Amino acid sequence: QVRLVESGGGLVQPGGSLRLSCAGSGFTFSNYAMSWYRQAPGKEREMVASITLSGGITNYVDSVKGRFTISRDNAQNTVYLQMNSLKPEDTAVYYCRVRRGLVESWGQGTQVTVSS
């Protein structure tokens, strides 16, 4: 059974940093690209960042480019999202996702709140 468990969220002041982690199990982690999504209250879920199998190619939504960094450790079956220079508009529940063919799997999400 595929399982994704996010951690690392919390309350941070504007300009601060957080590092999210997502541990995967139940599938061959290194065989799949991984993504981070977020959903703010009243808004649709959007993709924040993605990373290829080996980590060689990353993509970001324009609003986080230069501030967020996605990375992965295939030995630890974990994908990370380093978030710097956080803004109030980054407040959302952050989810990691894996798509294996036509099947999507999501974690339970971790809340990130950016507020003074």
N, C-alpha and C. Protein backbone atom coordinates (compact mmCIF):
# COMPACT_ATOMS: atom_id res chain seq x y z
N GLN A 1 0.84 -1.19 0.00
CA GLN A 1 0.00 0.00 0.00
C GLN A 1 0.87 1.24 0.00
N VAL A 2 0.60 2.12 -0.94
CA VAL A 2 1.38 3.36 -1.04
C VAL A 2 1.03 4.27 0.12
N ARG A 3 2.07 4.82 0.72
CA ARG A 3 1.86 5.77 1.81
C ARG A 3 2.84 6.92 1.65
N LEU A 4 2.32 8.14 1.81
CA LEU A 4 3.12 9.36 1.79
C LEU A 4 2.82 10.13 3.07
N VAL A 5 3.86 10.46 3.80
CA VAL A 5 3.69 11.14 5.08
C VAL A 5 4.50 12.43 5.08
N GLU A 6 3.79 13.56 5.11
CA GLU A 6 4.44 14.86 5.15
C GLU A 6 4.69 15.30 6.59
N SER A 7 5.73 16.11 6.75
CA SER A 7 6.03 16.69 8.06
C SER A 7 6.80 17.99 7.84
N GLY A 8 6.93 18.76 8.91
CA GLY A 8 7.74 19.97 8.86
C GLY A 8 6.98 21.28 8.77
N GLY A 9 5.67 21.21 8.65
CA GLY A 9 4.89 22.44 8.59
C GLY A 9 4.85 23.13 9.94
N GLY A 10 4.27 24.34 9.94
CA GLY A 10 4.15 25.08 11.19
C GLY A 10 3.86 26.54 10.93
N LEU A 11 3.99 27.32 12.00
CA LEU A 11 3.78 28.76 11.94
C LEU A 11 5.13 29.46 11.84
N VAL A 12 5.26 30.34 10.88
CA VAL A 12 6.52 31.06 10.69
C VAL A 12 6.22 32.51 10.32
N GLN A 13 7.11 33.40 10.70
CA GLN A 13 6.93 34.81 10.37
C GLN A 13 7.32 35.06 8.92
N PRO A 14 6.75 36.10 8.32
CA PRO A 14 7.17 36.46 6.95
C PRO A 14 8.68 36.63 6.88
N GLY A 15 9.26 36.11 5.81
CA GLY A 15 10.70 36.13 5.65
C GLY A 15 11.40 34.93 6.22
N GLY A 16 10.68 34.12 6.95
CA GLY A 16 11.27 32.93 7.57
C GLY A 16 11.38 31.75 6.63
N SER A 17 11.83 30.63 7.18
CA SER A 17 12.07 29.42 6.39
C SER A 17 11.46 28.20 7.06
N LEU A 18 11.10 27.25 6.25
CA LEU A 18 10.67 25.94 6.72
C LEU A 18 11.18 24.90 5.74
N ARG A 19 11.36 23.69 6.24
CA ARG A 19 11.72 22.57 5.38
C ARG A 19 10.70 21.46 5.56
N LEU A 20 10.00 21.16 4.50
CA LEU A 20 9.02 20.08 4.52
C LEU A 20 9.67 18.79 4.06
N SER A 21 9.21 17.70 4.64
CA SER A 21 9.67 16.37 4.24
C SER A 21 8.46 15.51 3.89
N CYS A 22 8.67 14.60 2.98
CA CYS A 22 7.62 13.63 2.61
C CYS A 22 8.28 12.27 2.47
N ALA A 23 7.92 11.36 3.36
CA ALA A 23 8.47 10.01 3.34
C ALA A 23 7.51 9.08 2.61
N GLY A 24 8.04 8.38 1.63
CA GLY A 24 7.21 7.46 0.86
C GLY A 24 7.50 6.01 1.21
N SER A 25 6.47 5.18 1.11
CA SER A 25 6.62 3.75 1.32
C SER A 25 5.57 3.01 0.52
N GLY A 26 5.82 1.72 0.31
CA GLY A 26 4.85 0.90 -0.42
C GLY A 26 5.03 0.93 -1.92
N PHE A 27 6.07 1.59 -2.39
CA PHE A 27 6.37 1.62 -3.82
C PHE A 27 7.86 1.88 -3.97
N THR A 28 8.37 1.66 -5.18
CA THR A 28 9.79 1.88 -5.44
C THR A 28 10.01 3.36 -5.68
N PHE A 29 10.37 4.06 -4.62
CA PHE A 29 10.44 5.52 -4.61
C PHE A 29 11.28 6.07 -5.75
N SER A 30 12.42 5.45 -6.00
CA SER A 30 13.37 5.99 -6.98
C SER A 30 12.88 5.87 -8.41
N ASN A 31 11.78 5.17 -8.63
CA ASN A 31 11.26 4.97 -9.98
C ASN A 31 10.27 6.04 -10.43
N TYR A 32 9.98 6.99 -9.53
CA TYR A 32 8.91 7.94 -9.85
C TYR A 32 9.30 9.38 -9.55
N ALA A 33 8.82 10.25 -10.44
CA ALA A 33 8.90 11.66 -10.14
C ALA A 33 8.00 11.97 -8.95
N MET A 34 8.34 13.01 -8.24
CA MET A 34 7.58 13.42 -7.06
C MET A 34 7.22 14.90 -7.19
N SER A 35 6.12 15.27 -6.55
CA SER A 35 5.66 16.65 -6.64
C SER A 35 5.17 17.13 -5.27
N TRP A 36 5.26 18.43 -5.10
CA TRP A 36 4.62 19.10 -3.96
C TRP A 36 3.50 19.98 -4.51
N TYR A 37 2.37 19.93 -3.84
CA TYR A 37 1.23 20.76 -4.16
C TYR A 37 0.84 21.54 -2.89
N ARG A 38 0.02 22.55 -3.09
CA ARG A 38 -0.52 23.25 -1.93
C ARG A 38 -1.94 23.70 -2.23
N GLN A 39 -2.69 23.86 -1.17
CA GLN A 39 -4.06 24.35 -1.29
C GLN A 39 -4.35 25.33 -0.18
N ALA A 40 -4.62 26.56 -0.59
CA ALA A 40 -4.97 27.61 0.36
C ALA A 40 -6.49 27.63 0.53
N PRO A 41 -6.98 28.17 1.64
CA PRO A 41 -8.43 28.22 1.86
C PRO A 41 -9.15 28.93 0.73
N GLY A 42 -10.18 28.27 0.20
CA GLY A 42 -10.98 28.86 -0.86
C GLY A 42 -10.35 28.84 -2.24
N LYS A 43 -9.20 28.18 -2.35
CA LYS A 43 -8.51 28.14 -3.63
C LYS A 43 -8.32 26.70 -4.08
N GLU A 44 -8.07 26.55 -5.37
CA GLU A 44 -7.81 25.22 -5.91
C GLU A 44 -6.39 24.78 -5.55
N ARG A 45 -6.21 23.47 -5.52
CA ARG A 45 -4.89 22.92 -5.27
C ARG A 45 -4.00 23.23 -6.46
N GLU A 46 -2.77 23.67 -6.20
CA GLU A 46 -1.84 23.98 -7.27
C GLU A 46 -0.51 23.28 -7.05
N MET A 47 0.15 22.94 -8.17
CA MET A 47 1.45 22.33 -8.07
C MET A 47 2.48 23.40 -7.74
N VAL A 48 3.31 23.12 -6.77
CA VAL A 48 4.35 24.05 -6.34
C VAL A 48 5.69 23.69 -6.98
N ALA A 49 6.04 22.41 -6.94
CA ALA A 49 7.34 21.99 -7.43
C ALA A 49 7.29 20.51 -7.77
N SER A 50 8.16 20.13 -8.72
CA SER A 50 8.27 18.72 -9.07
C SER A 50 9.73 18.39 -9.31
N ILE A 51 10.04 17.10 -9.20
CA ILE A 51 11.41 16.65 -9.36
C ILE A 51 11.40 15.29 -10.04
N THR A 52 12.34 15.09 -10.95
CA THR A 52 12.42 13.84 -11.69
C THR A 52 13.03 12.73 -10.83
N LEU A 53 13.09 11.53 -11.41
CA LEU A 53 13.50 10.33 -10.67
C LEU A 53 14.83 10.51 -9.95
N SER A 54 15.81 11.01 -10.68
CA SER A 54 17.16 11.14 -10.11
C SER A 54 17.39 12.50 -9.49
N GLY A 55 16.42 13.39 -9.65
CA GLY A 55 16.57 14.74 -9.11
C GLY A 55 17.25 15.71 -10.07
N GLY A 56 17.49 15.25 -11.29
CA GLY A 56 18.22 16.09 -12.21
C GLY A 56 17.45 17.26 -12.79
N ILE A 57 16.13 17.14 -12.80
CA ILE A 57 15.30 18.20 -13.36
C ILE A 57 14.23 18.58 -12.35
N THR A 58 14.12 19.86 -12.10
CA THR A 58 13.11 20.37 -11.18
C THR A 58 12.29 21.46 -11.89
N ASN A 59 11.07 21.60 -11.45
CA ASN A 59 10.19 22.64 -11.98
C ASN A 59 9.44 23.30 -10.82
N TYR A 60 9.15 24.59 -11.01
CA TYR A 60 8.49 25.35 -9.95
C TYR A 60 7.41 26.24 -10.54
N VAL A 61 6.38 26.47 -9.76
CA VAL A 61 5.42 27.50 -10.14
C VAL A 61 6.11 28.85 -10.02
N ASP A 62 5.73 29.78 -10.86
CA ASP A 62 6.44 31.06 -10.91
C ASP A 62 6.49 31.77 -9.56
N SER A 63 5.46 31.63 -8.78
CA SER A 63 5.37 32.39 -7.53
C SER A 63 6.38 31.96 -6.48
N VAL A 64 7.01 30.80 -6.66
CA VAL A 64 7.99 30.33 -5.66
C VAL A 64 9.40 30.23 -6.21
N LYS A 65 9.58 30.50 -7.48
CA LYS A 65 10.91 30.40 -8.08
C LYS A 65 11.89 31.34 -7.36
N GLY A 66 13.06 30.78 -7.06
CA GLY A 66 14.07 31.55 -6.36
C GLY A 66 13.93 31.52 -4.85
N ARG A 67 12.80 31.01 -4.35
CA ARG A 67 12.58 30.94 -2.90
C ARG A 67 12.48 29.50 -2.39
N PHE A 68 11.90 28.62 -3.19
CA PHE A 68 11.71 27.23 -2.79
C PHE A 68 12.66 26.34 -3.57
N THR A 69 13.08 25.25 -2.92
CA THR A 69 13.92 24.26 -3.57
C THR A 69 13.41 22.87 -3.25
N ILE A 70 13.14 22.08 -4.28
CA ILE A 70 12.73 20.70 -4.10
C ILE A 70 13.96 19.81 -4.28
N SER A 71 14.05 18.78 -3.46
CA SER A 71 15.15 17.83 -3.58
C SER A 71 14.65 16.47 -3.11
N ARG A 72 15.44 15.45 -3.35
CA ARG A 72 15.05 14.11 -2.93
C ARG A 72 16.26 13.31 -2.51
N ASP A 73 16.01 12.36 -1.62
CA ASP A 73 17.02 11.40 -1.18
C ASP A 73 16.42 10.02 -1.42
N ASN A 74 16.80 9.40 -2.52
CA ASN A 74 16.21 8.10 -2.86
C ASN A 74 16.62 7.00 -1.88
N ALA A 75 17.74 7.15 -1.24
CA ALA A 75 18.16 6.16 -0.24
C ALA A 75 17.24 6.21 0.99
N GLN A 76 16.69 7.38 1.25
CA GLN A 76 15.79 7.56 2.40
C GLN A 76 14.33 7.60 2.00
N ASN A 77 14.05 7.42 0.70
CA ASN A 77 12.67 7.46 0.19
C ASN A 77 11.95 8.74 0.63
N THR A 78 12.66 9.83 0.51
CA THR A 78 12.12 11.09 1.01
C THR A 78 12.32 12.21 -0.01
N VAL A 79 11.30 13.05 -0.13
CA VAL A 79 11.39 14.25 -0.93
C VAL A 79 11.22 15.45 0.00
N TYR A 80 11.96 16.50 -0.29
CA TYR A 80 11.98 17.68 0.57
C TYR A 80 11.51 18.92 -0.19
N LEU A 81 11.05 19.89 0.57
CA LEU A 81 10.76 21.21 0.01
C LEU A 81 11.32 22.25 0.98
N GLN A 82 12.43 22.85 0.58
CA GLN A 82 13.02 23.93 1.36
C GLN A 82 12.35 25.22 0.95
N MET A 83 11.75 25.90 1.91
CA MET A 83 11.01 27.13 1.62
C MET A 83 11.66 28.29 2.36
N ASN A 84 12.18 29.23 1.62
CA ASN A 84 12.82 30.41 2.18
C ASN A 84 12.03 31.67 1.82
N SER A 85 12.31 32.75 2.52
CA SER A 85 11.66 34.04 2.25
C SER A 85 10.14 33.87 2.15
N LEU A 86 9.60 33.20 3.12
CA LEU A 86 8.18 32.89 3.07
C LEU A 86 7.32 34.15 3.17
N LYS A 87 6.20 34.10 2.47
CA LYS A 87 5.26 35.21 2.42
C LYS A 87 3.90 34.75 2.94
N PRO A 88 3.08 35.68 3.40
CA PRO A 88 1.74 35.29 3.87
C PRO A 88 0.95 34.52 2.81
N GLU A 89 1.17 34.84 1.56
CA GLU A 89 0.43 34.14 0.49
C GLU A 89 0.90 32.70 0.27
N ASP A 90 1.96 32.29 0.96
CA ASP A 90 2.39 30.90 0.93
C ASP A 90 1.60 30.04 1.93
N THR A 91 0.78 30.67 2.73
CA THR A 91 -0.03 29.94 3.70
C THR A 91 -0.96 28.97 2.99
N ALA A 92 -0.87 27.70 3.36
CA ALA A 92 -1.65 26.65 2.70
C ALA A 92 -1.36 25.32 3.38
N VAL A 93 -2.14 24.32 3.00
CA VAL A 93 -1.79 22.94 3.33
C VAL A 93 -0.94 22.42 2.17
N TYR A 94 0.20 21.86 2.50
CA TYR A 94 1.13 21.36 1.50
C TYR A 94 1.04 19.83 1.46
N TYR A 95 0.96 19.31 0.24
CA TYR A 95 0.83 17.87 0.01
C TYR A 95 1.93 17.38 -0.91
N CYS A 96 2.38 16.17 -0.70
CA CYS A 96 3.22 15.55 -1.71
C CYS A 96 2.38 14.53 -2.48
N ARG A 97 2.81 14.30 -3.71
CA ARG A 97 2.06 13.45 -4.60
C ARG A 97 3.00 12.60 -5.45
N VAL A 98 2.57 11.38 -5.70
CA VAL A 98 3.25 10.52 -6.66
C VAL A 98 2.19 10.00 -7.63
N ARG A 99 2.55 9.98 -8.90
CA ARG A 99 1.66 9.41 -9.89
C ARG A 99 2.35 8.21 -10.52
N ARG A 100 1.73 7.08 -10.40
CA ARG A 100 2.24 5.84 -10.98
C ARG A 100 1.26 5.42 -12.07
N GLY A 101 1.61 5.73 -13.31
CA GLY A 101 0.68 5.49 -14.40
C GLY A 101 -0.54 6.38 -14.23
N LEU A 102 -1.71 5.79 -14.14
CA LEU A 102 -2.95 6.55 -13.99
C LEU A 102 -3.35 6.72 -12.53
N VAL A 103 -2.55 6.22 -11.62
CA VAL A 103 -2.91 6.23 -10.20
C VAL A 103 -2.15 7.33 -9.48
N GLU A 104 -2.88 8.20 -8.85
CA GLU A 104 -2.28 9.25 -8.02
C GLU A 104 -2.40 8.88 -6.55
N SER A 105 -1.35 9.17 -5.81
CA SER A 105 -1.40 8.98 -4.37
C SER A 105 -0.96 10.27 -3.70
N TRP A 106 -1.63 10.61 -2.61
CA TRP A 106 -1.38 11.85 -1.90
C TRP A 106 -1.11 11.58 -0.42
N GLY A 107 -0.34 12.45 0.18
CA GLY A 107 -0.20 12.41 1.61
C GLY A 107 -1.36 13.12 2.28
N GLN A 108 -1.30 13.19 3.61
CA GLN A 108 -2.39 13.81 4.37
C GLN A 108 -2.25 15.33 4.45
N GLY A 109 -1.09 15.83 4.10
CA GLY A 109 -0.86 17.26 4.09
C GLY A 109 -0.25 17.77 5.38
N THR A 110 0.44 18.89 5.28
CA THR A 110 1.00 19.56 6.45
C THR A 110 0.72 21.05 6.32
N GLN A 111 0.24 21.65 7.39
CA GLN A 111 -0.17 23.06 7.36
C GLN A 111 1.04 23.98 7.48
N VAL A 112 1.12 24.94 6.59
CA VAL A 112 2.12 26.00 6.66
C VAL A 112 1.37 27.33 6.81
N THR A 113 1.67 28.05 7.86
CA THR A 113 1.05 29.34 8.11
C THR A 113 2.14 30.39 8.23
N VAL A 114 2.06 31.41 7.40
CA VAL A 114 3.03 32.49 7.41
C VAL A 114 2.31 33.75 7.91
N SER A 115 2.67 34.16 9.10
CA SER A 115 1.96 35.28 9.73
C SER A 115 2.84 35.90 10.81
N SER A 116 2.68 37.20 10.97
CA SER A 116 3.39 37.88 12.05
C SER A 116 2.51 37.97 13.29
